[in-house]
Protein backbone atom coordinates (compact mmCIF):
# COMPACT_ATOMS: atom_id res chain seq x y z
CA MET A 1 13.59 -11.64 -0.94
CA SER A 2 10.78 -14.02 -0.20
CA LYS A 3 11.47 -16.81 2.28
CA ASN A 4 8.37 -18.79 1.15
CA ASN A 5 9.55 -20.35 -2.13
CA GLU A 6 9.15 -23.97 -0.96
CA SER A 7 5.69 -23.39 0.43
CA TRP A 8 4.36 -21.74 -2.73
CA GLN A 9 6.02 -24.38 -4.91
CA LYS A 10 4.05 -27.00 -3.04
CA ILE A 11 0.82 -24.98 -3.18
CA TYR A 12 1.34 -24.43 -6.89
CA LYS A 13 1.83 -28.14 -7.48
CA ASP A 14 -0.92 -29.48 -5.16
CA LEU A 15 -3.59 -27.13 -6.54
CA LYS A 16 -2.41 -27.60 -10.16
CA ILE A 17 -2.09 -23.86 -10.59
CA ASP A 18 0.30 -24.46 -13.48
CA LYS A 19 -2.67 -25.84 -15.44
CA HIS A 20 -4.78 -22.72 -14.95
CA ASP A 21 -5.35 -20.35 -17.86
CA PHE A 22 -4.45 -17.00 -16.33
CA LYS A 23 -5.24 -15.17 -19.58
CA SER A 24 -8.91 -15.84 -19.13
CA LYS A 25 -9.45 -15.43 -15.35
CA PRO A 26 -7.57 -15.15 -12.07
CA PHE A 27 -7.03 -18.18 -9.85
CA PHE A 28 -9.18 -18.18 -6.69
CA ILE A 29 -7.61 -19.65 -3.54
CA ASN A 30 -8.62 -19.63 0.13
CA ALA A 31 -6.86 -19.94 3.48
CA GLU A 32 -8.00 -23.48 4.12
CA GLU A 33 -6.52 -24.70 0.87
CA ILE A 34 -3.24 -23.00 1.62
CA LYS A 35 -3.14 -24.43 5.16
CA ASP A 36 -3.79 -27.94 3.89
CA CYS A 37 -0.97 -27.70 1.36
CA VAL A 38 1.66 -26.48 3.86
CA LYS A 39 0.61 -28.31 6.99
CA ASP A 40 3.73 -30.46 7.01
CA PHE A 41 6.19 -27.58 7.02
CA LYS A 42 7.85 -26.99 10.34
CA GLN A 43 8.54 -23.27 10.36
CA THR A 44 5.73 -20.82 11.20
CA SER A 45 6.78 -18.61 8.29
CA GLN A 46 6.23 -21.52 5.89
CA ARG A 47 2.73 -22.35 7.24
CA GLU A 48 1.18 -19.05 8.31
CA VAL A 49 -1.30 -17.90 5.66
CA ARG A 50 -0.91 -14.20 6.59
CA ILE A 51 2.86 -14.41 6.07
CA LEU A 52 2.62 -16.40 2.82
CA CYS A 53 0.17 -13.91 1.35
CA LYS A 54 1.99 -10.75 2.41
CA GLN A 55 3.84 -9.72 -0.69
CA ASP A 56 4.12 -5.92 -0.39
CA SER A 57 6.83 -5.48 -3.01
CA ARG A 58 7.82 -7.26 -6.22
CA GLU A 59 10.80 -8.64 -4.36
CA ASP A 60 8.61 -10.15 -1.63
CA ARG A 61 7.02 -12.54 -4.12
CA PRO A 62 8.09 -16.18 -4.19
CA GLN A 63 10.12 -17.14 -7.25
CA ILE A 64 7.25 -19.03 -8.86
CA PHE A 65 5.22 -15.79 -8.83
CA ILE A 66 8.06 -13.82 -10.35
CA ASP A 67 8.62 -16.47 -13.07
CA ASN A 68 4.91 -16.51 -13.98
CA GLU A 69 4.26 -12.71 -13.61
CA LEU A 70 1.77 -13.19 -10.80
CA PHE A 71 0.64 -11.18 -7.78
CA ILE A 72 -1.83 -11.98 -5.02
CA LEU A 73 -4.80 -9.89 -3.76
CA PRO A 74 -7.20 -10.44 -0.90
CA ILE A 75 -10.88 -10.34 -1.97
CA LYS A 76 -12.61 -11.43 1.26
CA ASN A 77 -11.66 -12.64 4.72
CA GLY A 78 -9.56 -15.75 4.03
CA GLU A 79 -10.03 -15.57 0.27
CA TYR A 80 -7.53 -14.46 -2.40
CA VAL A 81 -6.98 -14.25 -6.13
CA LEU A 82 -3.76 -14.88 -8.00
CA CYS A 83 -3.59 -12.47 -10.88
CA LYS A 84 -1.31 -12.28 -13.90
CA GLY A 85 0.09 -8.86 -14.80
CA GLU A 86 1.53 -5.85 -13.06
CA GLY A 87 0.38 -5.62 -9.45
CA TYR A 88 2.95 -3.08 -8.24
CA VAL A 89 3.82 0.57 -8.78
CA ASP A 90 7.31 2.07 -8.80
CA ILE A 91 8.18 4.76 -6.27
CA PRO A 92 10.41 6.99 -8.36
CA ASP A 93 13.32 8.84 -6.97
CA ILE A 94 12.67 12.59 -6.64
CA HIS A 95 15.44 14.45 -8.42
CA ALA A 96 14.06 17.93 -7.85
CA ASP A 97 15.84 20.30 -5.48
CA ILE A 98 15.13 19.95 -1.80
CA LYS A 99 12.62 22.52 -0.63
CA GLU A 100 13.40 24.25 2.67
CA TYR A 101 10.26 24.23 4.78
CA GLU A 102 9.84 26.24 7.93
CA SER A 103 7.69 24.52 10.53
CA LYS A 104 4.57 26.38 11.53
CA LEU A 105 5.03 25.28 15.10
CA ASP A 106 6.27 28.15 17.32
CA PHE A 107 8.33 25.77 19.47
CA GLU A 108 10.78 22.97 18.86
CA LEU A 109 9.12 19.56 19.01
CA LYS A 110 11.69 17.68 21.15
CA SER A 111 9.83 14.33 21.00
CA ALA A 112 10.20 14.26 17.23
CA CYS A 113 13.92 13.67 17.61
CA ILE A 114 13.54 10.53 19.80
CA GLY A 115 13.41 7.28 17.79
CA ASN A 116 13.16 6.57 14.10
CA SER A 117 9.73 5.21 13.19
CA GLU A 118 7.46 5.78 10.23
CA MET A 119 4.64 7.05 12.44
CA GLN A 120 6.95 9.40 14.35
CA HIS A 121 8.16 11.09 11.13
CA LEU A 122 4.64 11.27 9.72
CA ASP A 123 3.29 12.82 12.94
CA PHE A 124 6.06 15.40 12.87
CA ALA A 125 5.29 16.29 9.21
CA TYR A 126 1.68 16.78 10.16
CA ALA A 127 2.41 18.73 13.35
CA SER A 128 4.66 21.14 11.44
CA SER A 129 1.91 21.52 8.80
CA LEU A 130 4.02 20.06 6.03
CA ILE A 131 1.21 17.69 5.01
CA ARG A 132 -1.24 20.62 4.80
CA THR A 133 1.26 22.64 2.76
CA PHE A 134 1.91 19.84 0.25
CA ILE A 135 -1.80 19.16 -0.20
CA ASP A 136 -2.58 22.91 -0.09
CA ASP A 137 -5.34 22.48 2.47
CA GLU A 138 -5.08 24.20 5.85
CA SER A 139 -8.26 22.56 7.10
CA LEU A 140 -6.82 18.99 7.32
CA VAL A 141 -7.01 17.34 10.71
CA LEU A 142 -6.00 13.80 11.77
CA SER A 143 -9.14 11.65 11.71
CA ILE A 144 -8.27 8.16 10.39
CA ARG A 145 -5.80 5.62 11.72
CA GLY A 146 -5.63 1.84 12.09
CA ARG A 147 -7.44 -1.12 10.64
CA LYS A 148 -10.85 -1.06 9.03
CA TYR A 149 -12.82 -3.26 6.65
CA THR A 150 -13.83 -2.36 3.16
CA PRO A 151 -17.44 -2.23 1.93
CA GLN A 152 -18.17 -4.25 -1.16
CA PHE A 153 -16.72 -2.96 -4.43
CA SER A 154 -15.45 -4.29 -7.76
CA PHE A 155 -12.57 -3.38 -10.04
CA TYR A 156 -10.78 -4.56 -13.14
CA THR A 157 -7.13 -4.86 -14.19
CA ASN A 158 -5.37 -4.68 -17.53
CA ILE A 159 -6.18 -8.39 -17.96
CA TYR A 160 -9.32 -9.16 -15.92
CA ASP A 161 -12.78 -7.63 -16.31
CA ASN A 162 -14.24 -7.98 -12.87
CA ILE A 163 -12.85 -8.75 -9.41
CA GLU A 164 -15.21 -8.47 -6.43
CA VAL A 165 -13.94 -7.38 -3.00
CA LYS A 166 -15.88 -7.50 0.23
CA SER A 167 -14.86 -6.83 3.86
CA VAL A 168 -11.10 -6.91 3.32
CA GLN A 169 -9.02 -5.47 6.14
CA THR A 170 -7.19 -2.26 5.23
CA GLU A 171 -4.83 -0.05 7.22
CA VAL A 172 -3.62 3.45 6.53
CA ASP A 173 -0.74 4.90 8.49
CA SER A 174 -2.65 8.17 8.87
CA GLY A 175 -5.74 9.74 7.34
CA PHE A 176 -6.60 13.42 7.33
CA GLU A 177 -9.94 15.05 6.70
CA GLY A 178 -10.54 18.64 5.60
CA ARG A 179 -13.59 20.53 4.48
CA ASP A 180 -13.50 19.09 1.01
CA LYS A 181 -10.80 16.35 1.04
CA ILE A 182 -9.74 13.15 2.71
CA VAL A 183 -5.98 12.35 2.50
CA LEU A 184 -4.85 8.77 3.06
CA VAL A 185 -1.15 8.24 3.76
CA GLU A 186 1.00 5.21 3.20
CA ALA A 187 4.27 5.80 5.08
CA LYS A 188 7.64 4.06 4.78
CA ASN A 189 10.92 4.51 6.55
CA ASN A 190 13.43 3.19 4.03
CA GLN A 191 14.34 3.56 0.40
CA THR A 192 11.22 2.02 -1.07
CA LYS A 193 11.43 1.12 -4.78
CA ASN A 194 7.96 -0.24 -5.31
CA ILE A 195 4.79 -1.20 -3.43
CA ILE A 196 1.77 -3.25 -4.23
CA ILE A 197 -0.94 -1.05 -5.69
CA ARG A 198 -3.49 -2.59 -3.36
CA GLN A 199 -2.03 -0.65 -0.41
CA LEU A 200 -3.07 2.58 -2.13
CA TYR A 201 -6.08 1.38 -4.12
CA TYR A 202 -8.16 -0.48 -1.52
CA PRO A 203 -8.26 2.38 1.07
CA MET A 204 -9.02 4.86 -1.72
CA ARG A 205 -11.96 2.82 -2.93
CA GLN A 206 -13.11 2.28 0.67
CA TRP A 207 -13.26 6.01 1.46
CA GLN A 208 -14.72 6.89 -1.91
CA LEU A 209 -17.69 4.82 -0.86
CA HIS A 210 -17.83 6.29 2.69
CA THR A 211 -17.76 9.91 1.72
CA GLN A 212 -18.52 12.35 -1.13
CA LYS A 213 -15.31 14.26 -0.52
CA GLU A 214 -12.32 14.06 -2.82
CA VAL A 215 -10.01 11.21 -1.70
CA ILE A 216 -6.28 11.80 -2.12
CA THR A 217 -3.69 9.06 -1.82
CA LEU A 218 -0.28 10.09 -0.52
CA PHE A 219 2.96 8.18 -0.30
CA PHE A 220 5.30 9.46 2.45
CA GLU A 221 8.87 8.50 3.23
CA LYS A 222 11.66 9.83 5.43
CA ARG A 223 15.11 9.46 3.83
CA LYS A 224 18.00 10.80 5.90
CA GLU A 225 17.03 14.44 6.60
CA CYS A 226 14.47 14.71 3.85
CA PHE A 227 10.73 14.13 3.78
CA LEU A 228 9.59 12.72 0.43
CA MET A 229 5.96 12.93 -0.65
CA GLY A 230 4.18 11.75 -3.74
CA GLU A 231 0.50 12.08 -4.55
CA PHE A 232 -0.85 9.17 -6.58
CA GLY A 233 -4.08 9.18 -8.52
CA PHE A 234 -6.10 6.70 -10.64
CA LYS A 235 -7.17 7.78 -14.09
CA GLU A 236 -10.20 5.45 -13.86
CA LEU A 237 -11.74 4.76 -10.46
CA GLN A 238 -12.40 1.09 -11.18
CA ASN A 239 -9.11 0.39 -12.99
CA TYR A 240 -6.53 -1.04 -10.58
CA ASN A 241 -3.76 -0.46 -13.15
CA SER A 242 -4.61 3.16 -13.94
CA ILE A 243 -2.40 4.48 -11.11
CA PHE A 244 -0.13 7.43 -11.84
CA LEU A 245 2.00 9.89 -9.98
CA LYS A 246 0.31 13.30 -9.94
CA LYS A 247 3.03 15.32 -8.12
CA SER A 248 5.97 14.81 -5.84
CA ALA A 249 8.42 16.85 -3.78
CA LYS A 250 11.09 16.50 -1.11
CA PHE A 251 11.42 18.79 1.84
CA LYS A 252 13.84 19.51 4.66
CA ILE A 253 12.11 20.95 7.70
CA LYS A 254 14.18 23.83 9.08
CA GLY A 255 15.27 23.26 12.65
CA LYS A 256 14.83 19.46 12.51
CA LYS A 257 17.83 17.70 13.98
């Protein structure tokens, strides 16, 4: 649940966002405006723009966003848009039977059993060739990790015709390149119910512009002893809301403690 209700209530009031016609266009807002509105709050979490604008799930949104069916997107360094509509995608439970997967490593990876982090589980799934098996591409190698900035691109939503993005910071948990594909992975380590589409859409658009190869977006999660994977696609490249689940599966890697 969001801790920033008071901050956003003040921003909403000071900038007269309640007077804005969200049916015709999104509301543009920048970091300096946000800072000025919340400068008198004492807690860092109530004043820090990065924290206030980090709303990675529907539940992370302040109540005023929930009540008005809004979500926030970065469009440039220090610049954002408040949009009306559906900004998130559900991560469905996978009810299919667990598939037993035998690691292609010829030794037990002891370090994979130490700790419980998203990156650790993702690295193990790659090392055992589970990622390659799910994608059906034995040529995949780890080639992308960390923060990068998008080139310029535009997109539309179910409500708005044109939103321009330029030099927004993105981060994928891991990216793999093969002869014909690039696979971008968003990894979680808990029972995720939904995520903001931006986390999947912005990196996909970024690498579509950087390469001519097919770009695949993969959601990865470790739940108990199972590895859950879902491949998401977009029916229309420029349509933020055209996201859909192409395929999913859950695996148990044999020999994993």
